[in-house]
Amino acid sequence: MSTPLWDKGKGPVDAVMQKFLAGEDVLWDRHLFPFDVEASRAHARGLQRIGILSADECTAICTQLDAVAQEFLAGTFVLDEKYEDCHSAIEDYLTQKLGAAGRKVHTGRSRNDQILVATRLFLKDALARLEQLCRQAGHAALNKARAHEMVPMPGYTHLQRAVPSSVGLWMAAFAEAFADDAHLARMTRGWLDASPLGTAAGYGVNLPLDRDGVSQELGFARLQINPMYAQNSRGKFELQALGALSQALLDVRRLAWDLSLFTTEEFGFVRLPDAFTTGSSIMPNKRNPDVVELLRAAHSVVTGAVAELTDVLSLTSGYHRDLQATKGPVLRAFQHGLRALALVPSLVDTLEFDVARMRAAISPEMFATDRAVELAVAGVPFRDAYRQVAQTAGAQQRTPEESLTARTSPGATALLLLDRIEARLSPLPGASG
C-alpha cells in the first residue's frame, strides 16, 4: 500500500489498514475517480486565481489530471488496494509526475470535502441517468398502451376479478408512474446540486478560496455555504438520492409482479420473449421468468442501502470515520438499480399479449358496476342501484368492448389522455440526461 497522506511515521499496522480503514473502499472509489479528477482540476484553477499556484504549475497539474483520467479509462492506471482511496491515488500520481507542484494541489481542501464533492457530482450524473431511464421506460409503456389501447383484459382488486379493463389502461398506468419517477429524479438532482468544495474538514480554511468560481466551473447550481453543515449533510443527500431511485424501482417491482402473475399458465395473458427467460437445470419443459424475478428483487438492494445509511448517521456534528461506511451502499445501490431499470424498456417493447385469453377471462358479473352507474344516471339513487344490481350481477349482458367504450371519465379506458402523459415524459427544454 502507498504511504497514506496523513502518515507521520506512526499508524495502524498493514492488516488494519487493508481490512478495516481502507478495505474495499478504494475499489468503490473507481466509480468516483473521474469526478474526483474533475473536482481536482477545478480546485487547481481556483488556487491559481488566489496566487497559490502559478499559471505554469496550474497548467502542468491540469495536464497531468487529464493524463491520469485517460489512463484510468484505458485501464493502464489501476485504482486498487495499494492506494488508500482515489484522492490519495490522484495526489500520488501528480507528485510522481510533478514533484513539488503536485504536492501543492491539496492546499485549502481536505479529503472530507473531496469525497463530498465527488459524491455529489456522481449523484448528479446518476440521477440524470435515472431520469433518462425512467423516461425511456415510460415511453415504452406508453407505446404499448397506444398499440393496445382498447384490448380488453380483466381489472383486479384484491387479486379478485373486478371490472373490465384494457391493456391500454394497464400500460398507461406504468407510463404515468415512470413520468412521476423521472420528475422526482430531476427534483432530487436540483435539491443536491450544491458544491461543498472548499469547506475542507468542516471549519473552512484561512485562505480566500474562490469557492463560487470553482462551484460554477463544476456546474453546480449553488454553493453549500456552511462548512459544518457540509459535513453534516453527508449521508443525508445520499439518502434523498436513494429515495428517488427507490420510487422508480418500486414501479419496476410492481410491473415485474404483474408480469410474473400474468405469464403463469393459470392466467396466460402475457408471453415473455425468450431473451427474458431461462431454462430449468432439471426440467426440460420449463422456461422460467428469471429476469422478471430479478427485477422484482432489485428494490431490496436500495432498501438495504437506506438501512445501512440510516443506522450509520446516528452521529454528532462534524466528521466521523463511520461515514466511510455510507459510500459502498450508495454506489452499490445505484449501480444495481440503474442496471435493472435499463432492462425495462426492451422488456416492455417485446411483451406479447394473448388477446383471446384476456377477453375470455371477463365474466358477466364484472359488468355490474357499469350497470349500477347507468341506473344512477337514470335517476335511481346509487345505493339503491348498487343493491338492485347485486341481486343480478351474473346476468349483466354486454361485451367487454362496450364496457370499455362507455368508460369516459378522464383517464379511464375510453379517454386515456395519453397525450398528457406523453407531454410529462418529454424532457424539458435544455435538460441534460
Protein backbone atom coordinates (compact mmCIF):
# COMPACT_ATOMS: atom_id res chain seq x y z
CA MET A 1 0.00 0.00 0.00
CA SER A 2 1.26 3.53 -0.77
CA THR A 3 2.14 5.77 2.17
CA PRO A 4 -1.03 7.44 3.48
CA LEU A 5 -1.24 11.22 3.02
CA TRP A 6 -1.55 11.65 6.78
CA ASP A 7 1.35 9.36 7.70
CA LYS A 8 3.79 10.78 10.27
CA GLY A 9 5.74 7.58 10.80
CA LYS A 10 3.23 6.13 13.25
CA GLY A 11 -0.04 4.50 12.43
CA PRO A 12 -2.04 1.28 12.17
CA VAL A 13 -0.39 -1.91 11.03
CA ASP A 14 -0.97 -3.00 7.42
CA ALA A 15 -3.58 -5.59 8.40
CA VAL A 16 -5.72 -2.90 10.00
CA MET A 17 -5.30 -0.56 7.02
CA GLN A 18 -6.13 -3.20 4.46
CA LYS A 19 -9.03 -4.87 6.21
CA PHE A 20 -10.59 -2.06 8.19
CA LEU A 21 -9.53 1.51 7.49
CA ALA A 22 -9.39 1.14 3.70
CA GLY A 23 -10.63 -2.32 2.78
CA GLU A 24 -12.89 -2.35 -0.26
CA ASP A 25 -13.41 1.41 -0.01
CA VAL A 26 -10.79 2.14 -2.63
CA LEU A 27 -12.50 -0.26 -5.03
CA TRP A 28 -15.76 1.63 -4.70
CA ASP A 29 -13.78 4.78 -5.44
CA ARG A 30 -13.44 3.57 -9.03
CA HIS A 31 -16.95 4.93 -9.52
CA LEU A 32 -15.88 8.29 -8.11
CA PHE A 33 -12.44 8.59 -9.69
CA PRO A 34 -13.45 10.63 -12.80
CA PHE A 35 -15.43 13.04 -10.61
CA ASP A 36 -12.53 13.44 -8.18
CA VAL A 37 -10.26 14.28 -11.12
CA GLU A 38 -12.78 16.83 -12.35
CA ALA A 39 -13.00 18.46 -8.93
CA SER A 40 -9.20 18.49 -8.55
CA ARG A 41 -8.88 20.31 -11.88
CA ALA A 42 -11.37 22.99 -10.81
CA HIS A 43 -9.69 23.30 -7.40
CA ALA A 44 -6.27 23.80 -9.01
CA ARG A 45 -7.61 26.59 -11.19
CA GLY A 46 -9.16 28.17 -8.13
CA LEU A 47 -5.78 28.03 -6.35
CA GLN A 48 -4.17 29.76 -9.30
CA ARG A 49 -6.72 32.59 -9.11
CA ILE A 50 -5.72 33.32 -5.49
CA GLY A 51 -1.96 33.03 -6.12
CA ILE A 52 -1.24 29.66 -4.50
CA LEU A 53 -0.32 28.09 -7.84
CA SER A 54 1.48 29.80 -10.69
CA ALA A 55 0.00 29.67 -14.16
CA ASP A 56 2.64 27.13 -15.20
CA GLU A 57 2.02 24.95 -12.16
CA CYS A 58 -1.72 25.01 -12.74
CA THR A 59 -1.30 24.12 -16.41
CA ALA A 60 1.03 21.25 -15.53
CA ILE A 61 -1.37 19.91 -12.89
CA CYS A 62 -4.36 20.09 -15.24
CA THR A 63 -2.35 18.36 -17.98
CA GLN A 64 -1.45 15.51 -15.65
CA LEU A 65 -5.02 15.27 -14.37
CA ASP A 66 -6.15 14.83 -17.97
CA ALA A 67 -3.47 12.18 -18.40
CA VAL A 68 -4.44 10.16 -15.33
CA ALA A 69 -8.11 10.35 -16.36
CA GLN A 70 -7.23 8.91 -19.77
CA GLU A 71 -5.01 6.22 -18.26
CA PHE A 72 -7.80 5.28 -15.86
CA LEU A 73 -10.29 4.90 -18.71
CA ALA A 74 -7.77 2.89 -20.73
CA GLY A 75 -7.04 0.62 -17.78
CA THR A 76 -3.34 1.49 -17.58
CA PHE A 77 -3.81 3.32 -14.29
CA VAL A 78 -5.45 0.90 -11.87
CA LEU A 79 -7.06 2.04 -8.66
CA ASP A 80 -6.55 -0.86 -6.28
CA GLU A 81 -5.57 -1.74 -2.73
CA LYS A 82 -2.13 -0.16 -2.98
CA TYR A 83 -3.90 3.18 -2.53
CA GLU A 84 -5.92 4.28 0.46
CA ASP A 85 -8.54 5.99 -1.70
CA CYS A 86 -8.99 7.78 -5.02
CA HIS A 87 -7.90 11.11 -3.51
CA SER A 88 -4.53 9.82 -2.38
CA ALA A 89 -4.08 7.98 -5.69
CA ILE A 90 -4.52 11.18 -7.69
CA GLU A 91 -2.22 13.17 -5.42
CA ASP A 92 0.39 10.40 -5.56
CA TYR A 93 0.23 10.44 -9.37
CA LEU A 94 0.64 14.23 -9.50
CA THR A 95 3.54 14.15 -7.05
CA GLN A 96 5.35 11.48 -9.05
CA LYS A 97 4.90 13.43 -12.26
CA LEU A 98 5.40 16.98 -10.98
CA GLY A 99 7.19 16.81 -7.65
CA ALA A 100 6.59 19.94 -5.53
CA ALA A 101 3.81 21.26 -7.77
CA GLY A 102 1.88 18.01 -7.26
CA ARG A 103 2.22 18.34 -3.51
CA LYS A 104 0.63 21.79 -3.62
CA VAL A 105 -2.71 20.65 -5.03
CA HIS A 106 -4.16 19.70 -1.64
CA THR A 107 -3.81 23.25 -0.29
CA GLY A 108 -7.13 24.52 1.07
CA ARG A 109 -9.04 21.25 0.94
CA SER A 110 -9.48 18.05 2.90
CA ARG A 111 -10.35 14.56 1.81
CA ASN A 112 -13.59 15.32 3.65
CA ASP A 113 -14.75 17.92 1.15
CA GLN A 114 -13.16 15.93 -1.70
CA ILE A 115 -15.41 12.94 -1.06
CA LEU A 116 -18.40 15.23 -0.60
CA VAL A 117 -17.92 16.94 -3.94
CA ALA A 118 -17.07 13.72 -5.81
CA THR A 119 -20.18 12.03 -4.39
CA ARG A 120 -22.42 14.95 -5.30
CA LEU A 121 -21.02 15.00 -8.84
CA PHE A 122 -21.55 11.24 -9.09
CA LEU A 123 -25.12 11.51 -7.84
CA LYS A 124 -25.92 14.38 -10.20
CA ASP A 125 -24.77 12.14 -13.05
CA ALA A 126 -26.59 9.08 -11.66
CA LEU A 127 -29.84 10.99 -11.17
CA ALA A 128 -29.64 12.35 -14.71
CA ARG A 129 -29.26 8.75 -15.87
CA LEU A 130 -32.15 7.70 -13.63
CA GLU A 131 -34.36 10.39 -15.13
CA GLN A 132 -33.41 9.33 -18.65
CA LEU A 133 -34.11 5.65 -17.97
CA CYS A 134 -37.47 6.47 -16.37
CA ARG A 135 -38.44 8.45 -19.46
CA GLN A 136 -37.39 5.57 -21.70
CA ALA A 137 -39.37 3.05 -19.64
CA GLY A 138 -42.35 5.41 -19.62
CA HIS A 139 -42.26 5.84 -23.39
CA ALA A 140 -42.08 2.07 -23.87
CA ALA A 141 -45.17 1.63 -21.70
CA LEU A 142 -46.91 4.49 -23.49
CA ASN A 143 -46.23 2.97 -26.90
CA LYS A 144 -47.65 -0.34 -25.68
CA ALA A 145 -50.72 1.47 -24.34
CA ARG A 146 -51.30 3.14 -27.72
CA ALA A 147 -50.86 -0.09 -29.67
CA HIS A 148 -53.31 -1.98 -27.41
CA GLU A 149 -55.49 0.89 -26.27
CA MET A 150 -58.84 -0.94 -26.33
CA VAL A 151 -57.70 -4.55 -25.95
CA PRO A 152 -59.85 -5.96 -23.10
CA MET A 153 -58.37 -7.58 -20.03
CA PRO A 154 -59.75 -8.17 -16.53
CA GLY A 155 -59.22 -5.49 -13.92
CA TYR A 156 -58.45 -6.78 -10.42
CA THR A 157 -58.83 -5.55 -6.88
CA HIS A 158 -57.63 -7.78 -4.01
CA LEU A 159 -56.48 -10.13 -6.82
CA GLN A 160 -60.16 -10.82 -7.49
CA ARG A 161 -61.86 -10.08 -10.81
CA ALA A 162 -63.47 -6.66 -10.51
CA VAL A 163 -64.34 -4.79 -13.72
CA PRO A 164 -63.35 -4.96 -17.38
CA SER A 165 -60.12 -3.14 -18.06
CA SER A 166 -57.75 -2.78 -21.00
CA VAL A 167 -54.11 -3.28 -21.84
CA GLY A 168 -54.10 0.42 -22.67
CA LEU A 169 -55.13 1.35 -19.13
CA TRP A 170 -52.66 -1.10 -17.57
CA MET A 171 -49.69 0.10 -19.61
CA ALA A 172 -50.65 3.77 -19.28
CA ALA A 173 -50.51 3.33 -15.50
CA PHE A 174 -46.82 2.49 -15.76
CA ALA A 175 -46.20 5.25 -18.30
CA GLU A 176 -47.51 7.82 -15.82
CA ALA A 177 -45.67 6.16 -12.93
CA PHE A 178 -42.35 6.46 -14.74
CA ALA A 179 -43.18 10.07 -15.63
CA ASP A 180 -43.53 10.75 -11.90
CA ASP A 181 -40.26 8.93 -11.23
CA ALA A 182 -38.44 10.99 -13.86
CA HIS A 183 -39.81 14.19 -12.33
CA LEU A 184 -38.70 13.11 -8.86
CA ALA A 185 -35.19 12.29 -10.12
CA ARG A 186 -34.95 15.78 -11.64
CA MET A 187 -36.19 17.49 -8.47
CA THR A 188 -33.79 15.46 -6.32
CA ARG A 189 -30.90 16.36 -8.60
CA GLY A 190 -31.75 20.04 -8.15
CA TRP A 191 -32.04 19.61 -4.38
CA LEU A 192 -28.48 18.28 -4.00
CA ASP A 193 -26.93 20.48 -6.71
CA ALA A 194 -24.62 22.40 -4.35
CA SER A 195 -20.82 22.47 -4.14
CA PRO A 196 -19.18 21.63 -0.80
CA LEU A 197 -15.64 22.01 -2.17
CA GLY A 198 -13.59 24.47 -0.15
CA THR A 199 -15.23 23.70 3.19
CA ALA A 200 -12.24 21.45 4.00
CA ALA A 201 -12.71 19.35 7.15
CA GLY A 202 -15.81 21.26 8.21
CA TYR A 203 -14.45 24.55 9.53
CA GLY A 204 -13.15 26.41 6.48
CA VAL A 205 -9.52 27.45 5.92
CA ASN A 206 -7.52 30.64 6.33
CA LEU A 207 -7.42 31.30 2.59
CA PRO A 208 -9.66 33.46 0.35
CA LEU A 209 -10.70 30.46 -1.72
CA ASP A 210 -12.70 31.21 -4.88
CA ARG A 211 -15.43 28.81 -3.87
CA ASP A 212 -18.06 30.40 -6.11
CA GLY A 213 -15.81 30.24 -9.16
CA VAL A 214 -14.91 26.59 -8.53
CA SER A 215 -18.57 25.75 -7.97
CA GLN A 216 -19.56 27.34 -11.26
CA GLU A 217 -16.75 25.58 -13.13
CA LEU A 218 -18.00 22.24 -11.80
CA GLY A 219 -21.52 23.02 -12.99
CA PHE A 220 -23.17 23.30 -9.60
CA ALA A 221 -26.25 25.48 -9.27
CA ARG A 222 -25.16 26.99 -5.96
CA LEU A 223 -22.71 26.85 -3.11
CA GLN A 224 -23.14 24.76 0.01
CA ILE A 225 -22.28 27.59 2.34
CA ASN A 226 -21.71 26.41 5.89
CA PRO A 227 -18.62 24.17 6.31
CA MET A 228 -20.03 22.29 9.29
CA TYR A 229 -23.31 21.63 7.52
CA ALA A 230 -21.34 20.36 4.52
CA GLN A 231 -20.01 17.61 6.78
CA ASN A 232 -23.35 17.05 8.48
CA SER A 233 -25.08 16.66 5.11
CA ARG A 234 -23.02 13.61 4.25
CA GLY A 235 -25.37 10.67 4.15
CA LYS A 236 -28.39 12.99 4.16
CA PHE A 237 -28.20 13.88 0.47
CA GLU A 238 -27.33 10.29 -0.42
CA LEU A 239 -30.50 9.12 1.35
CA GLN A 240 -32.57 11.55 -0.70
CA ALA A 241 -31.00 10.28 -3.92
CA LEU A 242 -31.71 6.70 -2.86
CA GLY A 243 -35.31 7.77 -2.27
CA ALA A 244 -35.65 8.80 -5.92
CA LEU A 245 -34.09 5.53 -7.05
CA SER A 246 -36.37 3.63 -4.69
CA GLN A 247 -39.52 5.15 -6.18
CA ALA A 248 -38.55 4.07 -9.69
CA LEU A 249 -37.68 0.55 -8.56
CA LEU A 250 -40.97 0.26 -6.67
CA ASP A 251 -42.70 0.70 -10.02
CA VAL A 252 -40.34 -1.78 -11.64
CA ARG A 253 -41.19 -4.24 -8.86
CA ARG A 254 -44.93 -3.79 -9.38
CA LEU A 255 -44.56 -4.28 -13.13
CA ALA A 256 -42.43 -7.37 -12.54
CA TRP A 257 -45.04 -8.77 -10.17
CA ASP A 258 -47.82 -8.21 -12.73
CA LEU A 259 -45.76 -9.98 -15.37
CA SER A 260 -44.88 -12.82 -13.01
CA LEU A 261 -48.58 -13.35 -12.41
CA PHE A 262 -49.90 -12.82 -15.93
CA THR A 263 -47.30 -15.10 -17.56
CA THR A 264 -48.35 -18.13 -15.50
CA GLU A 265 -50.29 -20.86 -17.25
CA GLU A 266 -53.20 -20.13 -14.92
CA PHE A 267 -53.53 -16.62 -16.38
CA GLY A 268 -51.70 -16.86 -19.70
CA PHE A 269 -52.31 -13.21 -20.59
CA VAL A 270 -48.71 -12.30 -21.43
CA ARG A 271 -45.81 -14.01 -23.16
CA LEU A 272 -42.24 -13.04 -22.37
CA PRO A 273 -39.64 -13.15 -25.15
CA ASP A 274 -37.03 -15.87 -24.87
CA ALA A 275 -34.37 -13.24 -24.20
CA PHE A 276 -36.01 -12.57 -20.82
CA THR A 277 -36.42 -16.20 -19.75
CA THR A 278 -34.09 -19.05 -18.88
CA GLY A 279 -34.35 -22.81 -18.86
CA SER A 280 -34.57 -25.17 -15.91
CA SER A 281 -31.49 -27.15 -14.93
CA ILE A 282 -33.59 -30.31 -14.48
CA MET A 283 -36.99 -29.86 -16.14
CA PRO A 284 -36.74 -29.81 -19.96
CA ASN A 285 -40.25 -28.39 -20.32
CA LYS A 286 -39.59 -25.21 -18.33
CA ARG A 287 -38.95 -21.61 -19.34
CA ASN A 288 -38.52 -19.52 -16.21
CA PRO A 289 -39.12 -15.75 -15.93
CA ASP A 290 -35.82 -15.27 -14.10
CA VAL A 291 -35.14 -11.78 -15.42
CA VAL A 292 -38.54 -10.52 -14.28
CA GLU A 293 -37.99 -12.11 -10.88
CA LEU A 294 -34.58 -10.46 -10.54
CA LEU A 295 -36.13 -7.12 -11.49
CA ARG A 296 -38.65 -7.72 -8.74
CA ALA A 297 -35.78 -8.11 -6.28
CA ALA A 298 -33.83 -5.01 -7.37
CA HIS A 299 -35.57 -2.74 -4.89
CA SER A 300 -34.21 -4.79 -1.99
CA VAL A 301 -30.68 -3.52 -2.68
CA VAL A 302 -31.89 0.06 -2.23
CA THR A 303 -33.78 -0.87 0.93
CA GLY A 304 -30.58 -2.37 2.32
CA ALA A 305 -28.58 0.74 1.45
CA VAL A 306 -31.11 3.00 3.14
CA ALA A 307 -30.99 0.85 6.28
CA GLU A 308 -27.19 0.98 6.36
CA LEU A 309 -27.05 4.75 5.93
CA THR A 310 -29.80 5.44 8.44
CA ASP A 311 -28.02 3.34 11.02
CA VAL A 312 -24.63 4.99 10.42
CA LEU A 313 -25.98 8.55 10.64
CA SER A 314 -26.62 8.48 14.38
CA LEU A 315 -23.71 10.87 14.94
CA THR A 316 -22.83 14.22 16.48
CA SER A 317 -21.90 17.18 14.28
CA GLY A 318 -18.62 17.07 12.39
CA TYR A 319 -16.79 14.35 10.51
CA HIS A 320 -16.57 10.80 11.84
CA ARG A 321 -14.85 7.87 10.16
CA ASP A 322 -18.13 5.96 10.41
CA LEU A 323 -19.22 7.96 7.37
CA GLN A 324 -16.90 5.90 5.20
CA ALA A 325 -19.47 3.13 5.58
CA THR A 326 -22.04 5.18 3.63
CA LYS A 327 -20.10 5.06 0.38
CA GLY A 328 -20.37 1.39 -0.60
CA PRO A 329 -24.14 1.02 -0.06
CA VAL A 330 -24.94 4.11 -2.15
CA LEU A 331 -22.68 3.18 -5.04
CA ARG A 332 -23.83 -0.44 -4.98
CA ALA A 333 -27.50 0.57 -4.95
CA PHE A 334 -27.17 2.93 -7.91
CA GLN A 335 -25.04 0.51 -9.88
CA HIS A 336 -27.55 -2.30 -9.37
CA GLY A 337 -30.69 -0.16 -9.65
CA LEU A 338 -29.75 1.62 -12.87
CA ARG A 339 -28.76 -1.66 -14.50
CA ALA A 340 -32.13 -3.14 -13.59
CA LEU A 341 -34.06 -0.13 -14.83
CA ALA A 342 -32.14 -0.18 -18.12
CA LEU A 343 -33.72 -3.57 -18.91
CA VAL A 344 -37.29 -2.33 -18.60
CA PRO A 345 -37.77 -0.51 -21.96
CA SER A 346 -36.77 -3.51 -24.09
CA LEU A 347 -38.75 -5.86 -21.84
CA VAL A 348 -41.92 -3.80 -22.28
CA ASP A 349 -41.28 -3.35 -26.03
CA THR A 350 -41.23 -7.10 -26.60
CA LEU A 351 -44.20 -8.19 -24.48
CA GLU A 352 -46.86 -10.18 -26.35
CA PHE A 353 -50.49 -10.48 -25.28
CA ASP A 354 -52.95 -13.34 -25.67
CA VAL A 355 -55.96 -11.20 -26.56
CA ALA A 356 -58.44 -14.08 -26.71
CA ARG A 357 -57.39 -15.39 -23.30
CA MET A 358 -57.74 -11.96 -21.67
CA ARG A 359 -61.11 -11.31 -23.26
CA ALA A 360 -62.42 -14.72 -22.22
CA ALA A 361 -61.46 -14.02 -18.60
CA ILE A 362 -64.01 -11.18 -18.41
CA SER A 363 -67.13 -12.80 -16.97
CA PRO A 364 -70.69 -11.35 -16.89
CA GLU A 365 -70.66 -10.29 -13.23
CA MET A 366 -67.78 -7.91 -13.99
CA PHE A 367 -70.23 -5.59 -15.80
CA ALA A 368 -72.20 -4.99 -12.58
CA THR A 369 -70.52 -1.68 -11.74
CA ASP A 370 -71.24 -0.33 -15.22
CA ARG A 371 -74.91 -1.23 -14.80
CA ALA A 372 -75.15 0.37 -11.34
CA VAL A 373 -73.77 3.64 -12.71
CA GLU A 374 -76.19 3.54 -15.63
CA LEU A 375 -79.14 3.18 -13.24
CA ALA A 376 -77.80 6.11 -11.21
CA VAL A 377 -77.65 8.23 -14.38
CA ALA A 378 -81.30 7.27 -14.99
CA GLY A 379 -82.23 8.69 -11.59
CA VAL A 380 -82.01 5.70 -9.25
CA PRO A 381 -80.09 6.60 -6.06
CA PHE A 382 -76.72 4.91 -6.37
CA ARG A 383 -77.04 2.84 -3.19
CA ASP A 384 -80.42 1.52 -4.40
CA ALA A 385 -78.92 0.78 -7.80
CA TYR A 386 -76.00 -0.97 -6.10
CA ARG A 387 -78.32 -3.32 -4.19
CA GLN A 388 -80.53 -3.93 -7.20
CA VAL A 389 -77.61 -4.91 -9.43
CA ALA A 390 -76.08 -7.06 -6.68
CA GLN A 391 -79.07 -9.37 -6.94
CA THR A 392 -78.48 -9.98 -10.65
CA ALA A 393 -74.73 -9.40 -11.02
CA GLY A 394 -74.16 -12.56 -13.06
CA ALA A 395 -76.88 -11.68 -15.54
CA GLN A 396 -75.35 -8.50 -16.96
CA GLN A 397 -75.12 -8.83 -20.72
CA ARG A 398 -72.78 -6.74 -22.84
CA THR A 399 -69.39 -7.13 -24.48
CA PRO A 400 -66.08 -6.12 -22.94
CA GLU A 401 -65.65 -3.62 -25.77
CA GLU A 402 -68.96 -1.95 -24.92
CA SER A 403 -67.87 -1.62 -21.32
CA LEU A 404 -64.52 -0.10 -22.25
CA THR A 405 -66.04 2.36 -24.71
CA ALA A 406 -68.57 3.58 -22.15
CA ARG A 407 -65.88 4.32 -19.50
CA THR A 408 -65.47 8.01 -20.41
CA SER A 409 -64.22 9.53 -17.15
CA PRO A 410 -60.88 11.30 -17.83
CA GLY A 411 -58.07 8.77 -17.66
CA ALA A 412 -60.38 5.75 -17.96
CA THR A 413 -60.40 3.18 -20.75
CA ALA A 414 -62.26 5.33 -23.30
CA LEU A 415 -60.31 8.51 -22.51
CA LEU A 416 -56.77 7.53 -21.55
CA LEU A 417 -55.34 11.04 -22.13
CA LEU A 418 -52.13 9.51 -23.40
CA ASP A 419 -51.01 12.81 -24.94
CA ARG A 420 -50.88 14.38 -21.48
CA ILE A 421 -48.78 11.53 -20.16
CA GLU A 422 -46.50 11.82 -23.18
CA ALA A 423 -46.01 15.53 -22.51
CA ARG A 424 -44.83 14.72 -18.97
CA LEU A 425 -42.43 12.10 -20.31
CA SER A 426 -40.76 14.53 -22.73
CA PRO A 427 -37.55 16.12 -21.42
CA LEU A 428 -37.74 19.78 -20.50
CA PRO A 429 -36.12 22.21 -23.00
CA GLY A 430 -32.38 22.34 -22.40
CA ALA A 431 -32.50 19.43 -19.96
CA SER A 432 -29.45 17.22 -19.67
CA GLY A 433 -29.85 13.47 -19.44
